[in-house]
Amino acid sequence: MRAIVLKEFLKIKTAFLAFLGFVIFDLIAIIANILRQFNLSGKSEVIFGINYGFEFSFLWLDVLNIFFAVILGFFCYYREKIGGRLRLHFHFPLSNLKQVLIITALPLCFLIFVFLIEFIVLFGFFCVVFPLNLSLNLINLLINNFAFCVILFFAPFGIVFSSKFSEIALNIVSWSVLVFVYFKINPDLVSFTSYSQNDKFYVFFAFCLVFSYTNLQVVIKKYKQGYLK
């Protein structure tokens, strides 16, 4: 088992370590920024500003998560395509979804591991310095970001395993539109007009889930047909 984990880690090692380093730096920056605001304006003033003026930012942490979710996915799928591992699974009685999950499970766990670090650090810090209801509102934005990034991890699959330029371009455009809509529904807090602005996120998430699953099925079917020919 240790050898398998190490093998999967080596596929995404460079991107994962870069992601972890940037996240740690960003977490330190967020905490330092909040403490600096406490010293300049006072804790009560800062909390008032967040509650009524939405004066809070995750300092591009949500963008960082999205960027590296795609990069980690690309590293994972590209190495699998070179190694021909997906083709090997065509000879086993497995569903298309299981074939994808087998080759992505561990890399996806590494991505979720970083998200878990973000959640523990920020939620723990928020609960110490902010009221619980405010902490929950802030962390809810981050949880939405995590959920979207897990789906976005599968976006490079259609780009890597598609054989036609038109299919690759269609995948890039489709996922780009979803990212654009995501930032409209779940923006950084400074862009909010109310906490309920992202109340449609779960509908959007369900649509992304269905789109991702359908896209995987189509890409695998075409890739399988090309391989069997």
C-alpha atoms as a PDB file:
ATOM      1  CA  MET A   1       0.000   0.000   0.000  1.00  0.00           C
ATOM      2  CA  ARG A   2       2.846   2.361   0.834  1.00  0.00           C
ATOM      3  CA  ALA A   3       4.364   1.818  -2.613  1.00  0.00           C
ATOM      4  CA  ILE A   4       1.018   2.574  -4.293  1.00  0.00           C
ATOM      5  CA  VAL A   5       0.600   5.816  -2.344  1.00  0.00           C
ATOM      6  CA  LEU A   6       4.162   6.835  -3.197  1.00  0.00           C
ATOM      7  CA  LYS A   7       3.586   6.074  -6.879  1.00  0.00           C
ATOM      8  CA  GLU A   8       0.446   8.197  -6.944  1.00  0.00           C
ATOM      9  CA  PHE A   9       2.195  10.982  -5.040  1.00  0.00           C
ATOM     10  CA  LEU A  10       5.055  11.095  -7.548  1.00  0.00           C
ATOM     11  CA  LYS A  11       2.546  11.791 -10.350  1.00  0.00           C
ATOM     12  CA  ILE A  12       1.532  15.088  -8.765  1.00  0.00           C
ATOM     13  CA  LYS A  13       4.501  15.775  -6.473  1.00  0.00           C
ATOM     14  CA  THR A  14       5.614  19.082  -7.998  1.00  0.00           C
ATOM     15  CA  ALA A  15       2.124  20.573  -8.261  1.00  0.00           C
ATOM     16  CA  PHE A  16       1.081  19.271  -4.835  1.00  0.00           C
ATOM     17  CA  LEU A  17       4.097  20.712  -2.985  1.00  0.00           C
ATOM     18  CA  ALA A  18       3.664  24.040  -4.779  1.00  0.00           C
ATOM     19  CA  PHE A  19      -0.035  24.044  -3.845  1.00  0.00           C
ATOM     20  CA  LEU A  20       0.714  23.223  -0.208  1.00  0.00           C
ATOM     21  CA  GLY A  21       3.365  25.940  -0.019  1.00  0.00           C
ATOM     22  CA  PHE A  22       1.112  28.626  -1.514  1.00  0.00           C
ATOM     23  CA  VAL A  23      -1.782  27.610   0.753  1.00  0.00           C
ATOM     24  CA  ILE A  24       0.330  27.803   3.916  1.00  0.00           C
ATOM     25  CA  PHE A  25       1.597  31.242   2.863  1.00  0.00           C
ATOM     26  CA  ASP A  26      -1.968  32.405   2.116  1.00  0.00           C
ATOM     27  CA  LEU A  27      -3.307  31.101   5.439  1.00  0.00           C
ATOM     28  CA  ILE A  28      -0.576  32.995   7.303  1.00  0.00           C
ATOM     29  CA  ALA A  29      -1.390  36.124   5.278  1.00  0.00           C
ATOM     30  CA  ILE A  30      -5.133  35.875   6.066  1.00  0.00           C
ATOM     31  CA  ILE A  31      -4.523  35.455   9.792  1.00  0.00           C
ATOM     32  CA  ALA A  32      -1.904  38.233   9.865  1.00  0.00           C
ATOM     33  CA  ASN A  33      -4.239  40.563   7.964  1.00  0.00           C
ATOM     34  CA  ILE A  34      -7.093  40.021  10.423  1.00  0.00           C
ATOM     35  CA  LEU A  35      -4.822  40.545  13.433  1.00  0.00           C
ATOM     36  CA  ARG A  36      -3.423  43.701  11.826  1.00  0.00           C
ATOM     37  CA  GLN A  37      -6.957  45.035  11.361  1.00  0.00           C
ATOM     38  CA  PHE A  38      -7.684  44.276  15.016  1.00  0.00           C
ATOM     39  CA  ASN A  39      -4.687  46.381  16.034  1.00  0.00           C
ATOM     40  CA  LEU A  40      -5.612  49.256  13.717  1.00  0.00           C
ATOM     41  CA  SER A  41      -9.384  49.443  14.176  1.00  0.00           C
ATOM     42  CA  GLY A  42     -10.260  47.228  17.128  1.00  0.00           C
ATOM     43  CA  LYS A  43     -11.952  43.855  17.176  1.00  0.00           C
ATOM     44  CA  SER A  44     -15.517  45.176  17.473  1.00  0.00           C
ATOM     45  CA  GLU A  45     -15.053  47.536  14.529  1.00  0.00           C
ATOM     46  CA  VAL A  46     -13.663  44.756  12.340  1.00  0.00           C
ATOM     47  CA  ILE A  47     -16.538  42.397  13.190  1.00  0.00           C
ATOM     48  CA  PHE A  48     -19.037  45.185  12.504  1.00  0.00           C
ATOM     49  CA  GLY A  49     -17.378  45.850   9.142  1.00  0.00           C
ATOM     50  CA  ILE A  50     -17.598  42.186   8.150  1.00  0.00           C
ATOM     51  CA  ASN A  51     -21.217  41.804   9.267  1.00  0.00           C
ATOM     52  CA  TYR A  52     -22.579  44.945   7.640  1.00  0.00           C
ATOM     53  CA  GLY A  53     -19.985  46.058   5.103  1.00  0.00           C
ATOM     54  CA  PHE A  54     -18.690  42.615   4.029  1.00  0.00           C
ATOM     55  CA  GLU A  55     -15.150  43.912   4.500  1.00  0.00           C
ATOM     56  CA  PHE A  56     -13.397  40.572   4.387  1.00  0.00           C
ATOM     57  CA  SER A  57     -11.335  38.745   1.788  1.00  0.00           C
ATOM     58  CA  PHE A  58      -9.801  35.279   1.582  1.00  0.00           C
ATOM     59  CA  LEU A  59      -6.884  36.899  -0.277  1.00  0.00           C
ATOM     60  CA  TRP A  60      -7.336  34.827  -3.451  1.00  0.00           C
ATOM     61  CA  LEU A  61      -7.396  31.524  -1.570  1.00  0.00           C
ATOM     62  CA  ASP A  62     -10.499  30.402  -3.479  1.00  0.00           C
ATOM     63  CA  VAL A  63      -8.816  31.200  -6.803  1.00  0.00           C
ATOM     64  CA  LEU A  64      -5.698  29.342  -5.676  1.00  0.00           C
ATOM     65  CA  ASN A  65      -7.784  26.269  -4.856  1.00  0.00           C
ATOM     66  CA  ILE A  66      -9.457  26.310  -8.270  1.00  0.00           C
ATOM     67  CA  PHE A  67      -6.167  26.791 -10.122  1.00  0.00           C
ATOM     68  CA  PHE A  68      -4.431  23.908  -8.390  1.00  0.00           C
ATOM     69  CA  ALA A  69      -7.464  21.600  -8.576  1.00  0.00           C
ATOM     70  CA  VAL A  70      -7.171  21.850 -12.356  1.00  0.00           C
ATOM     71  CA  ILE A  71      -3.370  21.561 -12.335  1.00  0.00           C
ATOM     72  CA  LEU A  72      -3.372  18.485 -10.066  1.00  0.00           C
ATOM     73  CA  GLY A  73      -6.029  16.890 -12.247  1.00  0.00           C
ATOM     74  CA  PHE A  74      -3.983  17.563 -15.368  1.00  0.00           C
ATOM     75  CA  PHE A  75      -0.828  16.057 -13.829  1.00  0.00           C
ATOM     76  CA  CYS A  76      -2.813  12.984 -12.768  1.00  0.00           C
ATOM     77  CA  TYR A  77      -4.559  12.333 -16.089  1.00  0.00           C
ATOM     78  CA  TYR A  78      -1.607  13.150 -18.318  1.00  0.00           C
ATOM     79  CA  ARG A  79       0.605  10.640 -16.507  1.00  0.00           C
ATOM     80  CA  GLU A  80      -2.156   8.047 -16.724  1.00  0.00           C
ATOM     81  CA  LYS A  81      -2.541   8.605 -20.460  1.00  0.00           C
ATOM     82  CA  ILE A  82       1.200   8.175 -21.016  1.00  0.00           C
ATOM     83  CA  GLY A  83       1.235   5.030 -18.867  1.00  0.00           C
ATOM     84  CA  GLY A  84      -1.845   3.613 -20.580  1.00  0.00           C
ATOM     85  CA  ARG A  85      -3.405   2.665 -17.258  1.00  0.00           C
ATOM     86  CA  LEU A  86      -6.930   3.571 -18.326  1.00  0.00           C
ATOM     87  CA  ARG A  87      -6.598   1.277 -21.347  1.00  0.00           C
ATOM     88  CA  LEU A  88      -5.640  -1.567 -19.029  1.00  0.00           C
ATOM     89  CA  HIS A  89      -8.907  -1.112 -17.147  1.00  0.00           C
ATOM     90  CA  PHE A  90     -10.866  -1.584 -20.375  1.00  0.00           C
ATOM     91  CA  HIS A  91     -10.085  -5.304 -20.052  1.00  0.00           C
ATOM     92  CA  PHE A  92     -11.708  -5.502 -16.605  1.00  0.00           C
ATOM     93  CA  PRO A  93     -15.472  -5.751 -15.964  1.00  0.00           C
ATOM     94  CA  LEU A  94     -15.642  -2.251 -14.464  1.00  0.00           C
ATOM     95  CA  SER A  95     -17.989   0.637 -15.133  1.00  0.00           C
ATOM     96  CA  ASN A  96     -16.581   3.785 -16.714  1.00  0.00           C
ATOM     97  CA  LEU A  97     -16.985   5.706 -13.459  1.00  0.00           C
ATOM     98  CA  LYS A  98     -15.083   3.062 -11.476  1.00  0.00           C
ATOM     99  CA  GLN A  99     -12.281   3.124 -14.037  1.00  0.00           C
ATOM    100  CA  VAL A 100     -11.838   6.857 -13.521  1.00  0.00           C
ATOM    101  CA  LEU A 101     -12.172   6.722  -9.737  1.00  0.00           C
ATOM    102  CA  ILE A 102      -9.521   4.010  -9.433  1.00  0.00           C
ATOM    103  CA  ILE A 103      -6.881   6.093 -11.200  1.00  0.00           C
ATOM    104  CA  THR A 104      -7.875   9.346  -9.462  1.00  0.00           C
ATOM    105  CA  ALA A 105      -8.766   8.302  -5.912  1.00  0.00           C
ATOM    106  CA  LEU A 106      -5.375   8.881  -4.276  1.00  0.00           C
ATOM    107  CA  PRO A 107      -4.480  12.125  -6.139  1.00  0.00           C
ATOM    108  CA  LEU A 108      -7.925  13.436  -5.209  1.00  0.00           C
ATOM    109  CA  CYS A 109      -7.225  12.527  -1.579  1.00  0.00           C
ATOM    110  CA  PHE A 110      -4.079  14.689  -1.691  1.00  0.00           C
ATOM    111  CA  LEU A 111      -6.194  17.611  -2.901  1.00  0.00           C
ATOM    112  CA  ILE A 112      -8.772  17.044  -0.162  1.00  0.00           C
ATOM    113  CA  PHE A 113      -5.932  16.819   2.391  1.00  0.00           C
ATOM    114  CA  VAL A 114      -4.926  20.414   1.585  1.00  0.00           C
ATOM    115  CA  PHE A 115      -8.569  21.502   1.816  1.00  0.00           C
ATOM    116  CA  LEU A 116      -8.776  19.850   5.229  1.00  0.00           C
ATOM    117  CA  ILE A 117      -5.751  21.843   6.411  1.00  0.00           C
ATOM    118  CA  GLU A 118      -7.388  25.064   5.200  1.00  0.00           C
ATOM    119  CA  PHE A 119     -10.650  24.206   6.959  1.00  0.00           C
ATOM    120  CA  ILE A 120      -9.063  23.268  10.291  1.00  0.00           C
ATOM    121  CA  VAL A 121      -6.770  26.309  10.421  1.00  0.00           C
ATOM    122  CA  LEU A 122      -9.282  28.938   9.328  1.00  0.00           C
ATOM    123  CA  PHE A 123     -12.345  27.585  11.125  1.00  0.00           C
ATOM    124  CA  GLY A 124     -10.319  27.177  14.322  1.00  0.00           C
ATOM    125  CA  PHE A 125      -8.989  30.727  14.016  1.00  0.00           C
ATOM    126  CA  PHE A 126     -12.391  32.199  13.125  1.00  0.00           C
ATOM    127  CA  CYS A 127     -14.031  30.525  16.122  1.00  0.00           C
ATOM    128  CA  VAL A 128     -11.410  32.080  18.414  1.00  0.00           C
ATOM    129  CA  VAL A 129     -11.638  35.662  17.103  1.00  0.00           C
ATOM    130  CA  PHE A 130     -15.189  35.892  15.678  1.00  0.00           C
ATOM    131  CA  PRO A 131     -18.695  35.005  16.916  1.00  0.00           C
ATOM    132  CA  LEU A 132     -19.796  31.506  15.915  1.00  0.00           C
ATOM    133  CA  ASN A 133     -22.477  32.650  13.438  1.00  0.00           C
ATOM    134  CA  LEU A 134     -19.981  34.864  11.616  1.00  0.00           C
ATOM    135  CA  SER A 135     -17.413  32.035  11.568  1.00  0.00           C
ATOM    136  CA  LEU A 136     -19.986  29.700  10.030  1.00  0.00           C
ATOM    137  CA  ASN A 137     -20.927  32.250   7.362  1.00  0.00           C
ATOM    138  CA  LEU A 138     -17.287  32.742   6.397  1.00  0.00           C
ATOM    139  CA  ILE A 139     -16.380  29.064   6.375  1.00  0.00           C
ATOM    140  CA  ASN A 140     -19.489  28.249   4.307  1.00  0.00           C
ATOM    141  CA  LEU A 141     -17.962  30.204   1.415  1.00  0.00           C
ATOM    142  CA  LEU A 142     -14.838  28.082   1.684  1.00  0.00           C
ATOM    143  CA  ILE A 143     -16.798  24.813   1.853  1.00  0.00           C
ATOM    144  CA  ASN A 144     -18.589  25.796  -1.357  1.00  0.00           C
ATOM    145  CA  ASN A 145     -15.188  26.411  -2.896  1.00  0.00           C
ATOM    146  CA  PHE A 146     -13.938  22.974  -1.784  1.00  0.00           C
ATOM    147  CA  ALA A 147     -16.998  21.236  -3.257  1.00  0.00           C
ATOM    148  CA  PHE A 148     -16.612  22.991  -6.607  1.00  0.00           C
ATOM    149  CA  CYS A 149     -12.871  22.254  -6.721  1.00  0.00           C
ATOM    150  CA  VAL A 150     -13.450  18.525  -6.199  1.00  0.00           C
ATOM    151  CA  ILE A 151     -15.647  18.510  -9.308  1.00  0.00           C
ATOM    152  CA  LEU A 152     -13.196  20.757 -11.144  1.00  0.00           C
ATOM    153  CA  PHE A 153     -10.467  18.170 -10.476  1.00  0.00           C
ATOM    154  CA  PHE A 154     -12.140  16.042 -13.172  1.00  0.00           C
ATOM    155  CA  ALA A 155     -12.221  18.878 -15.741  1.00  0.00           C
ATOM    156  CA  PRO A 156      -8.823  18.067 -17.349  1.00  0.00           C
ATOM    157  CA  PHE A 157      -9.985  14.513 -18.078  1.00  0.00           C
ATOM    158  CA  GLY A 158     -11.880  15.568 -21.189  1.00  0.00           C
ATOM    159  CA  ILE A 159      -8.947  17.718 -22.309  1.00  0.00           C
ATOM    160  CA  VAL A 160      -6.284  15.035 -21.847  1.00  0.00           C
ATOM    161  CA  PHE A 161      -8.200  12.053 -23.200  1.00  0.00           C
ATOM    162  CA  SER A 162     -10.006  13.745 -26.092  1.00  0.00           C
ATOM    163  CA  SER A 163      -8.422  13.164 -29.476  1.00  0.00           C
ATOM    164  CA  LYS A 164     -10.031  15.966 -31.506  1.00  0.00           C
ATOM    165  CA  PHE A 165      -9.204  19.645 -31.152  1.00  0.00           C
ATOM    166  CA  SER A 166     -12.900  20.557 -31.342  1.00  0.00           C
ATOM    167  CA  GLU A 167     -13.667  18.306 -28.354  1.00  0.00           C
ATOM    168  CA  ILE A 168     -10.747  19.741 -26.366  1.00  0.00           C
ATOM    169  CA  ALA A 169     -11.848  23.300 -27.169  1.00  0.00           C
ATOM    170  CA  LEU A 170     -15.458  22.498 -26.195  1.00  0.00           C
ATOM    171  CA  ASN A 171     -14.283  21.104 -22.836  1.00  0.00           C
ATOM    172  CA  ILE A 172     -12.155  24.179 -22.131  1.00  0.00           C
ATOM    173  CA  VAL A 173     -14.990  26.572 -23.002  1.00  0.00           C
ATOM    174  CA  SER A 174     -17.600  24.599 -21.021  1.00  0.00           C
ATOM    175  CA  TRP A 175     -15.535  24.440 -17.843  1.00  0.00           C
ATOM    176  CA  SER A 176     -14.487  28.079 -18.214  1.00  0.00           C
ATOM    177  CA  VAL A 177     -18.160  29.078 -18.296  1.00  0.00           C
ATOM    178  CA  LEU A 178     -18.819  27.057 -15.148  1.00  0.00           C
ATOM    179  CA  VAL A 179     -15.923  28.765 -13.366  1.00  0.00           C
ATOM    180  CA  PHE A 180     -17.283  32.155 -14.454  1.00  0.00           C
ATOM    181  CA  VAL A 181     -20.755  31.299 -13.121  1.00  0.00           C
ATOM    182  CA  TYR A 182     -19.209  29.991  -9.889  1.00  0.00           C
ATOM    183  CA  PHE A 183     -17.604  33.359  -9.153  1.00  0.00           C
ATOM    184  CA  LYS A 184     -20.919  35.060  -9.812  1.00  0.00           C
ATOM    185  CA  ILE A 185     -22.683  32.805  -7.316  1.00  0.00           C
ATOM    186  CA  ASN A 186     -19.930  32.366  -4.741  1.00  0.00           C
ATOM    187  CA  PRO A 187     -17.623  35.402  -4.946  1.00  0.00           C
ATOM    188  CA  ASP A 188     -15.213  36.654  -2.333  1.00  0.00           C
ATOM    189  CA  LEU A 189     -17.086  38.332   0.517  1.00  0.00           C
ATOM    190  CA  VAL A 190     -16.114  41.868  -0.558  1.00  0.00           C
ATOM    191  CA  SER A 191     -18.223  41.341  -3.707  1.00  0.00           C
ATOM    192  CA  PHE A 192     -21.323  40.294  -1.752  1.00  0.00           C
ATOM    193  CA  THR A 193     -24.397  42.420  -1.207  1.00  0.00           C
ATOM    194  CA  SER A 194     -25.843  39.891   1.249  1.00  0.00           C
ATOM    195  CA  TYR A 195     -24.946  36.551   2.805  1.00  0.00           C
ATOM    196  CA  SER A 196     -27.809  34.932   0.901  1.00  0.00           C
ATOM    197  CA  GLN A 197     -26.308  35.800  -2.481  1.00  0.00           C
ATOM    198  CA  ASN A 198     -24.964  32.251  -2.842  1.00  0.00           C
ATOM    199  CA  ASP A 199     -28.240  30.518  -1.873  1.00  0.00           C
ATOM    200  CA  LYS A 200     -28.355  29.009  -5.377  1.00  0.00           C
ATOM    201  CA  PHE A 201     -24.954  27.385  -5.046  1.00  0.00           C
ATOM    202  CA  TYR A 202     -26.326  23.911  -4.316  1.00  0.00           C
ATOM    203  CA  VAL A 203     -28.405  23.948  -7.504  1.00  0.00           C
ATOM    204  CA  PHE A 204     -25.301  25.034  -9.393  1.00  0.00           C
ATOM    205  CA  PHE A 205     -23.246  22.320  -7.680  1.00  0.00           C
ATOM    206  CA  ALA A 206     -25.793  19.647  -8.659  1.00  0.00           C
ATOM    207  CA  PHE A 207     -25.664  20.840 -12.276  1.00  0.00           C
ATOM    208  CA  CYS A 208     -21.835  20.708 -12.248  1.00  0.00           C
ATOM    209  CA  LEU A 209     -21.957  17.191 -10.813  1.00  0.00           C
ATOM    210  CA  VAL A 210     -24.293  15.970 -13.557  1.00  0.00           C
ATOM    211  CA  PHE A 211     -22.268  17.756 -16.241  1.00  0.00           C
ATOM    212  CA  SER A 212     -18.989  16.279 -14.971  1.00  0.00           C
ATOM    213  CA  TYR A 213     -20.410  12.742 -14.843  1.00  0.00           C
ATOM    214  CA  THR A 214     -21.934  13.016 -18.320  1.00  0.00           C
ATOM    215  CA  ASN A 215     -18.747  14.473 -19.751  1.00  0.00           C
ATOM    216  CA  LEU A 216     -16.666  11.650 -18.271  1.00  0.00           C
ATOM    217  CA  GLN A 217     -18.966   9.036 -19.751  1.00  0.00           C
ATOM    218  CA  VAL A 218     -18.840  10.606 -23.220  1.00  0.00           C
ATOM    219  CA  VAL A 219     -15.060  11.061 -23.214  1.00  0.00           C
ATOM    220  CA  ILE A 220     -14.378   7.520 -21.988  1.00  0.00           C
ATOM    221  CA  LYS A 221     -16.775   6.033 -24.531  1.00  0.00           C
ATOM    222  CA  LYS A 222     -15.045   7.841 -27.410  1.00  0.00           C
ATOM    223  CA  TYR A 223     -11.578   7.082 -26.031  1.00  0.00           C
ATOM    224  CA  LYS A 224     -12.498   3.414 -25.632  1.00  0.00           C
ATOM    225  CA  GLN A 225     -13.840   3.204 -29.180  1.00  0.00           C
ATOM    226  CA  GLY A 226     -10.658   4.758 -30.537  1.00  0.00           C
ATOM    227  CA  TYR A 227      -8.490   2.351 -28.554  1.00  0.00           C
ATOM    228  CA  LEU A 228     -10.452  -0.762 -29.577  1.00  0.00           C
ATOM    229  CA  LYS A 229     -10.217   0.217 -33.245  1.00  0.00           C
END
